[in-house]
Amino acid sequence: MSDSLREMTSHIRDVALLDVYAKTVKTMERLGKKFNTGVNRWNIEIPLTVQEFATVVGTSRESVSRVFSRLKKE
């Protein structure tokens, strides 16, 4: 139970204090740790739309799309 509380507190702190880029990357890292198949660190297959992912991050769809574009370029 304490692990769940710690995780929720961390998530709330991130949503409140971080910028959109950092929130998006942190959310992707969290989902990667939770749903990674073990084959590739960045291979995450979760059936989420960009809008649903933006809701999880706590921002707009357009902002998440911009971050995804920036990450692809990097």
PDB file of N, CA and C in Angstrom:
ATOM      1  N   MET A   1       0.827  -1.184   0.000  1.00  0.00           N
ATOM      2  CA  MET A   1       0.000   0.000   0.000  1.00  0.00           C
ATOM      3  C   MET A   1       0.879   1.259   0.000  1.00  0.00           C
ATOM      4  N   SER A   2       1.969   1.223   0.751  1.00  0.00           N
ATOM      5  CA  SER A   2       2.852   2.392   0.797  1.00  0.00           C
ATOM      6  C   SER A   2       3.503   2.642  -0.559  1.00  0.00           C
ATOM      7  N   ASP A   3       3.792   1.575  -1.317  1.00  0.00           N
ATOM      8  CA  ASP A   3       4.349   1.756  -2.660  1.00  0.00           C
ATOM      9  C   ASP A   3       3.350   2.456  -3.573  1.00  0.00           C
ATOM     10  N   SER A   4       2.093   2.075  -3.479  1.00  0.00           N
ATOM     11  CA  SER A   4       1.062   2.722  -4.292  1.00  0.00           C
ATOM     12  C   SER A   4       0.910   4.187  -3.921  1.00  0.00           C
ATOM     13  N   LEU A   5       0.947   4.490  -2.641  1.00  0.00           N
ATOM     14  CA  LEU A   5       0.841   5.869  -2.180  1.00  0.00           C
ATOM     15  C   LEU A   5       2.046   6.687  -2.641  1.00  0.00           C
ATOM     16  N   ARG A   6       3.235   6.107  -2.566  1.00  0.00           N
ATOM     17  CA  ARG A   6       4.447   6.789  -3.012  1.00  0.00           C
ATOM     18  C   ARG A   6       4.386   7.067  -4.509  1.00  0.00           C
ATOM     19  N   GLU A   7       3.915   6.103  -5.280  1.00  0.00           N
ATOM     20  CA  GLU A   7       3.798   6.275  -6.721  1.00  0.00           C
ATOM     21  C   GLU A   7       2.780   7.362  -7.065  1.00  0.00           C
ATOM     22  N   MET A   8       1.647   7.364  -6.390  1.00  0.00           N
ATOM     23  CA  MET A   8       0.620   8.371  -6.637  1.00  0.00           C
ATOM     24  C   MET A   8       1.110   9.765  -6.251  1.00  0.00           C
ATOM     25  N   THR A   9       1.809   9.878  -5.138  1.00  0.00           N
ATOM     26  CA  THR A   9       2.354  11.161  -4.707  1.00  0.00           C
ATOM     27  C   THR A   9       3.361  11.683  -5.729  1.00  0.00           C
ATOM     28  N   SER A  10       4.197  10.809  -6.226  1.00  0.00           N
ATOM     29  CA  SER A  10       5.179  11.188  -7.234  1.00  0.00           C
ATOM     30  C   SER A  10       4.492  11.662  -8.511  1.00  0.00           C
ATOM     31  N   HIS A  11       3.457  10.952  -8.919  1.00  0.00           N
ATOM     32  CA  HIS A  11       2.717  11.318 -10.131  1.00  0.00           C
ATOM     33  C   HIS A  11       2.041  12.682  -9.970  1.00  0.00           C
ATOM     34  N   ILE A  12       1.423  12.923  -8.850  1.00  0.00           N
ATOM     35  CA  ILE A  12       0.758  14.204  -8.600  1.00  0.00           C
ATOM     36  C   ILE A  12       1.784  15.341  -8.563  1.00  0.00           C
ATOM     37  N   ARG A  13       2.909  15.113  -7.914  1.00  0.00           N
ATOM     38  CA  ARG A  13       3.961  16.128  -7.865  1.00  0.00           C
ATOM     39  C   ARG A  13       4.457  16.453  -9.269  1.00  0.00           C
ATOM     40  N   ASP A  14       4.661  15.437 -10.097  1.00  0.00           N
ATOM     41  CA  ASP A  14       5.126  15.653 -11.462  1.00  0.00           C
ATOM     42  C   ASP A  14       4.116  16.458 -12.276  1.00  0.00           C
ATOM     43  N   VAL A  15       2.847  16.119 -12.161  1.00  0.00           N
ATOM     44  CA  VAL A  15       1.811  16.833 -12.907  1.00  0.00           C
ATOM     45  C   VAL A  15       1.746  18.294 -12.481  1.00  0.00           C
ATOM     46  N   ALA A  16       1.941  18.558 -11.210  1.00  0.00           N
ATOM     47  CA  ALA A  16       1.821  19.928 -10.705  1.00  0.00           C
ATOM     48  C   ALA A  16       3.057  20.779 -10.990  1.00  0.00           C
ATOM     49  N   LEU A  17       4.238  20.185 -10.992  1.00  0.00           N
ATOM     50  CA  LEU A  17       5.459  20.990 -11.004  1.00  0.00           C
ATOM     51  C   LEU A  17       6.276  20.957 -12.288  1.00  0.00           C
ATOM     52  N   LEU A  18       6.130  19.941 -13.110  1.00  0.00           N
ATOM     53  CA  LEU A  18       6.982  19.812 -14.290  1.00  0.00           C
ATOM     54  C   LEU A  18       6.353  20.444 -15.526  1.00  0.00           C
ATOM     55  N   ASP A  19       7.203  20.769 -16.508  1.00  0.00           N
ATOM     56  CA  ASP A  19       6.689  21.272 -17.777  1.00  0.00           C
ATOM     57  C   ASP A  19       6.182  20.099 -18.615  1.00  0.00           C
ATOM     58  N   VAL A  20       5.555  20.415 -19.750  1.00  0.00           N
ATOM     59  CA  VAL A  20       4.905  19.390 -20.573  1.00  0.00           C
ATOM     60  C   VAL A  20       5.910  18.359 -21.073  1.00  0.00           C
ATOM     61  N   TYR A  21       7.077  18.804 -21.503  1.00  0.00           N
ATOM     62  CA  TYR A  21       8.095  17.872 -22.008  1.00  0.00           C
ATOM     63  C   TYR A  21       8.498  16.875 -20.927  1.00  0.00           C
ATOM     64  N   ALA A  22       8.810  17.376 -19.735  1.00  0.00           N
ATOM     65  CA  ALA A  22       9.245  16.501 -18.644  1.00  0.00           C
ATOM     66  C   ALA A  22       8.124  15.571 -18.197  1.00  0.00           C
ATOM     67  N   LYS A  23       6.894  16.086 -18.138  1.00  0.00           N
ATOM     68  CA  LYS A  23       5.761  15.232 -17.746  1.00  0.00           C
ATOM     69  C   LYS A  23       5.550  14.102 -18.745  1.00  0.00           C
ATOM     70  N   THR A  24       5.667  14.422 -20.032  1.00  0.00           N
ATOM     71  CA  THR A  24       5.469  13.406 -21.065  1.00  0.00           C
ATOM     72  C   THR A  24       6.544  12.333 -20.981  1.00  0.00           C
ATOM     73  N   VAL A  25       7.792  12.745 -20.845  1.00  0.00           N
ATOM     74  CA  VAL A  25       8.896  11.781 -20.767  1.00  0.00           C
ATOM     75  C   VAL A  25       8.769  10.925 -19.505  1.00  0.00           C
ATOM     76  N   LYS A  26       8.455  11.542 -18.374  1.00  0.00           N
ATOM     77  CA  LYS A  26       8.301  10.773 -17.127  1.00  0.00           C
ATOM     78  C   LYS A  26       7.162   9.771 -17.240  1.00  0.00           C
ATOM     79  N   THR A  27       6.057  10.182 -17.860  1.00  0.00           N
ATOM     80  CA  THR A  27       4.928   9.264 -18.032  1.00  0.00           C
ATOM     81  C   THR A  27       5.315   8.102 -18.926  1.00  0.00           C
ATOM     82  N   MET A  28       6.056   8.386 -19.993  1.00  0.00           N
ATOM     83  CA  MET A  28       6.520   7.306 -20.865  1.00  0.00           C
ATOM     84  C   MET A  28       7.449   6.360 -20.113  1.00  0.00           C
ATOM     85  N   GLU A  29       8.305   6.897 -19.252  1.00  0.00           N
ATOM     86  CA  GLU A  29       9.190   6.045 -18.452  1.00  0.00           C
ATOM     87  C   GLU A  29       8.387   5.163 -17.500  1.00  0.00           C
ATOM     88  N   ARG A  30       7.393   5.753 -16.855  1.00  0.00           N
ATOM     89  CA  ARG A  30       6.542   4.969 -15.943  1.00  0.00           C
ATOM     90  C   ARG A  30       5.831   3.841 -16.672  1.00  0.00           C
ATOM     91  N   LEU A  31       5.246   4.172 -17.819  1.00  0.00           N
ATOM     92  CA  LEU A  31       4.551   3.150 -18.599  1.00  0.00           C
ATOM     93  C   LEU A  31       5.527   2.105 -19.113  1.00  0.00           C
ATOM     94  N   GLY A  32       6.725   2.529 -19.460  1.00  0.00           N
ATOM     95  CA  GLY A  32       7.747   1.584 -19.918  1.00  0.00           C
ATOM     96  C   GLY A  32       8.129   0.589 -18.844  1.00  0.00           C
ATOM     97  N   LYS A  33       8.281   1.073 -17.622  1.00  0.00           N
ATOM     98  CA  LYS A  33       8.611   0.174 -16.511  1.00  0.00           C
ATOM     99  C   LYS A  33       7.469  -0.790 -16.230  1.00  0.00           C
ATOM    100  N   LYS A  34       6.252  -0.305 -16.388  1.00  0.00           N
ATOM    101  CA  LYS A  34       5.087  -1.129 -16.057  1.00  0.00           C
ATOM    102  C   LYS A  34       4.734  -2.142 -17.146  1.00  0.00           C
ATOM    103  N   PHE A  35       4.872  -1.745 -18.426  1.00  0.00           N
ATOM    104  CA  PHE A  35       4.398  -2.583 -19.522  1.00  0.00           C
ATOM    105  C   PHE A  35       5.488  -3.084 -20.453  1.00  0.00           C
ATOM    106  N   ASN A  36       6.751  -2.901 -20.117  1.00  0.00           N
ATOM    107  CA  ASN A  36       7.840  -3.326 -20.992  1.00  0.00           C
ATOM    108  C   ASN A  36       7.866  -4.838 -21.111  1.00  0.00           C
ATOM    109  N   THR A  37       8.082  -5.314 -22.346  1.00  0.00           N
ATOM    110  CA  THR A  37       8.138  -6.752 -22.590  1.00  0.00           C
ATOM    111  C   THR A  37       9.511  -7.329 -22.293  1.00  0.00           C
ATOM    112  N   GLY A  38      10.510  -6.468 -22.079  1.00  0.00           N
ATOM    113  CA  GLY A  38      11.849  -6.937 -21.766  1.00  0.00           C
ATOM    114  C   GLY A  38      12.758  -7.058 -22.965  1.00  0.00           C
ATOM    115  N   VAL A  39      12.211  -7.003 -24.168  1.00  0.00           N
ATOM    116  CA  VAL A  39      13.011  -7.140 -25.380  1.00  0.00           C
ATOM    117  C   VAL A  39      13.759  -5.840 -25.683  1.00  0.00           C
ATOM    118  N   ASN A  40      13.052  -4.739 -25.658  1.00  0.00           N
ATOM    119  CA  ASN A  40      13.630  -3.437 -25.992  1.00  0.00           C
ATOM    120  C   ASN A  40      13.133  -2.434 -24.961  1.00  0.00           C
ATOM    121  N   ARG A  41      14.025  -1.625 -24.442  1.00  0.00           N
ATOM    122  CA  ARG A  41      13.663  -0.674 -23.384  1.00  0.00           C
ATOM    123  C   ARG A  41      12.562   0.283 -23.818  1.00  0.00           C
ATOM    124  N   TRP A  42      12.560   0.702 -25.083  1.00  0.00           N
ATOM    125  CA  TRP A  42      11.598   1.697 -25.547  1.00  0.00           C
ATOM    126  C   TRP A  42      10.464   1.087 -26.346  1.00  0.00           C
ATOM    127  N   ASN A  43      10.325  -0.203 -26.348  1.00  0.00           N
ATOM    128  CA  ASN A  43       9.241  -0.863 -27.072  1.00  0.00           C
ATOM    129  C   ASN A  43       8.064  -1.079 -26.130  1.00  0.00           C
ATOM    130  N   ILE A  44       7.112  -0.173 -26.197  1.00  0.00           N
ATOM    131  CA  ILE A  44       5.930  -0.241 -25.337  1.00  0.00           C
ATOM    132  C   ILE A  44       4.714  -0.308 -26.245  1.00  0.00           C
ATOM    133  N   GLU A  45       3.911  -1.342 -26.101  1.00  0.00           N
ATOM    134  CA  GLU A  45       2.701  -1.457 -26.901  1.00  0.00           C
ATOM    135  C   GLU A  45       1.494  -1.368 -25.983  1.00  0.00           C
ATOM    136  N   ILE A  46       0.918  -0.171 -25.938  1.00  0.00           N
ATOM    137  CA  ILE A  46      -0.271   0.079 -25.138  1.00  0.00           C
ATOM    138  C   ILE A  46      -1.278   0.760 -26.054  1.00  0.00           C
ATOM    139  N   PRO A  47      -2.477   0.223 -26.152  1.00  0.00           N
ATOM    140  CA  PRO A  47      -3.461   0.813 -27.069  1.00  0.00           C
ATOM    141  C   PRO A  47      -4.055   2.111 -26.522  1.00  0.00           C
ATOM    142  N   LEU A  48      -3.265   3.193 -26.570  1.00  0.00           N
ATOM    143  CA  LEU A  48      -3.727   4.509 -26.137  1.00  0.00           C
ATOM    144  C   LEU A  48      -3.701   5.460 -27.324  1.00  0.00           C
ATOM    145  N   THR A  49      -4.719   6.281 -27.430  1.00  0.00           N
ATOM    146  CA  THR A  49      -4.674   7.348 -28.418  1.00  0.00           C
ATOM    147  C   THR A  49      -3.850   8.491 -27.839  1.00  0.00           C
ATOM    148  N   VAL A  50      -3.499   9.443 -28.673  1.00  0.00           N
ATOM    149  CA  VAL A  50      -2.741  10.602 -28.200  1.00  0.00           C
ATOM    150  C   VAL A  50      -3.582  11.376 -27.196  1.00  0.00           C
ATOM    151  N   GLN A  51      -4.900  11.455 -27.434  1.00  0.00           N
ATOM    152  CA  GLN A  51      -5.784  12.157 -26.505  1.00  0.00           C
ATOM    153  C   GLN A  51      -5.801  11.467 -25.135  1.00  0.00           C
ATOM    154  N   GLU A  52      -5.872  10.145 -25.117  1.00  0.00           N
ATOM    155  CA  GLU A  52      -5.863   9.409 -23.853  1.00  0.00           C
ATOM    156  C   GLU A  52      -4.534   9.578 -23.132  1.00  0.00           C
ATOM    157  N   PHE A  53      -3.443   9.540 -23.879  1.00  0.00           N
ATOM    158  CA  PHE A  53      -2.124   9.749 -23.275  1.00  0.00           C
ATOM    159  C   PHE A  53      -2.025  11.157 -22.698  1.00  0.00           C
ATOM    160  N   ALA A  54      -2.544  12.147 -23.414  1.00  0.00           N
ATOM    161  CA  ALA A  54      -2.525  13.527 -22.925  1.00  0.00           C
ATOM    162  C   ALA A  54      -3.331  13.655 -21.635  1.00  0.00           C
ATOM    163  N   THR A  55      -4.415  12.932 -21.527  1.00  0.00           N
ATOM    164  CA  THR A  55      -5.212  12.946 -20.299  1.00  0.00           C
ATOM    165  C   THR A  55      -4.416  12.363 -19.142  1.00  0.00           C
ATOM    166  N   VAL A  56      -3.684  11.292 -19.388  1.00  0.00           N
ATOM    167  CA  VAL A  56      -2.839  10.690 -18.352  1.00  0.00           C
ATOM    168  C   VAL A  56      -1.744  11.671 -17.923  1.00  0.00           C
ATOM    169  N   VAL A  57      -1.158  12.371 -18.897  1.00  0.00           N
ATOM    170  CA  VAL A  57      -0.093  13.324 -18.612  1.00  0.00           C
ATOM    171  C   VAL A  57      -0.650  14.559 -17.904  1.00  0.00           C
ATOM    172  N   GLY A  58      -1.863  14.942 -18.259  1.00  0.00           N
ATOM    173  CA  GLY A  58      -2.474  16.121 -17.659  1.00  0.00           C
ATOM    174  C   GLY A  58      -2.263  17.363 -18.497  1.00  0.00           C
ATOM    175  N   THR A  59      -2.293  17.192 -19.828  1.00  0.00           N
ATOM    176  CA  THR A  59      -2.093  18.315 -20.738  1.00  0.00           C
ATOM    177  C   THR A  59      -2.946  18.122 -21.981  1.00  0.00           C
ATOM    178  N   SER A  60      -2.778  18.975 -22.964  1.00  0.00           N
ATOM    179  CA  SER A  60      -3.590  18.883 -24.178  1.00  0.00           C
ATOM    180  C   SER A  60      -2.956  17.934 -25.195  1.00  0.00           C
ATOM    181  N   ARG A  61      -3.788  17.494 -26.130  1.00  0.00           N
ATOM    182  CA  ARG A  61      -3.334  16.590 -27.182  1.00  0.00           C
ATOM    183  C   ARG A  61      -2.274  17.258 -28.049  1.00  0.00           C
ATOM    184  N   GLU A  62      -2.454  18.529 -28.329  1.00  0.00           N
ATOM    185  CA  GLU A  62      -1.518  19.259 -29.172  1.00  0.00           C
ATOM    186  C   GLU A  62      -0.133  19.333 -28.529  1.00  0.00           C
ATOM    187  N   SER A  63      -0.101  19.566 -27.228  1.00  0.00           N
ATOM    188  CA  SER A  63       1.180  19.648 -26.521  1.00  0.00           C
ATOM    189  C   SER A  63       1.919  18.316 -26.553  1.00  0.00           C
ATOM    190  N   VAL A  64       1.189  17.240 -26.356  1.00  0.00           N
ATOM    191  CA  VAL A  64       1.807  15.909 -26.386  1.00  0.00           C
ATOM    192  C   VAL A  64       2.298  15.596 -27.795  1.00  0.00           C
ATOM    193  N   SER A  65       1.539  15.972 -28.808  1.00  0.00           N
ATOM    194  CA  SER A  65       1.967  15.747 -30.191  1.00  0.00           C
ATOM    195  C   SER A  65       3.260  16.501 -30.486  1.00  0.00           C
ATOM    196  N   ARG A  66       3.384  17.724 -29.981  1.00  0.00           N
ATOM    197  CA  ARG A  66       4.619  18.493 -30.175  1.00  0.00           C
ATOM    198  C   ARG A  66       5.803  17.812 -29.498  1.00  0.00           C
ATOM    199  N   VAL A  67       5.578  17.286 -28.299  1.00  0.00           N
ATOM    200  CA  VAL A  67       6.660  16.597 -27.580  1.00  0.00           C
ATOM    201  C   VAL A  67       7.054  15.329 -28.332  1.00  0.00           C
ATOM    202  N   PHE A  68       6.072  14.574 -28.822  1.00  0.00           N
ATOM    203  CA  PHE A  68       6.384  13.370 -29.594  1.00  0.00           C
ATOM    204  C   PHE A  68       7.207  13.721 -30.837  1.00  0.00           C
ATOM    205  N   SER A  69       6.842  14.799 -31.516  1.00  0.00           N
ATOM    206  CA  SER A  69       7.597  15.224 -32.700  1.00  0.00           C
ATOM    207  C   SER A  69       9.030  15.589 -32.322  1.00  0.00           C
ATOM    208  N   ARG A  70       9.178  16.296 -31.229  1.00  0.00           N
ATOM    209  CA  ARG A  70      10.517  16.693 -30.756  1.00  0.00           C
ATOM    210  C   ARG A  70      11.354  15.466 -30.403  1.00  0.00           C
ATOM    211  N   LEU A  71      10.738  14.477 -29.760  1.00  0.00           N
ATOM    212  CA  LEU A  71      11.463  13.269 -29.398  1.00  0.00           C
ATOM    213  C   LEU A  71      11.872  12.477 -30.636  1.00  0.00           C
ATOM    214  N   LYS A  72      11.019  12.449 -31.640  1.00  0.00           N
ATOM    215  CA  LYS A  72      11.371  11.751 -32.881  1.00  0.00           C
ATOM    216  C   LYS A  72      12.580  12.392 -33.550  1.00  0.00           C
ATOM    217  N   LYS A  73      12.617  13.744 -33.532  1.00  0.00           N
ATOM    218  CA  LYS A  73      13.747  14.443 -34.134  1.00  0.00           C
ATOM    219  C   LYS A  73      15.037  14.195 -33.377  1.00  0.00           C
ATOM    220  N   GLU A  74      14.940  14.094 -32.059  1.00  0.00           N
ATOM    221  CA  GLU A  74      16.135  13.863 -31.232  1.00  0.00           C
ATOM    222  C   GLU A  74      16.574  12.429 -31.366  1.00  0.00           C
TER     223      GLU A  74
END
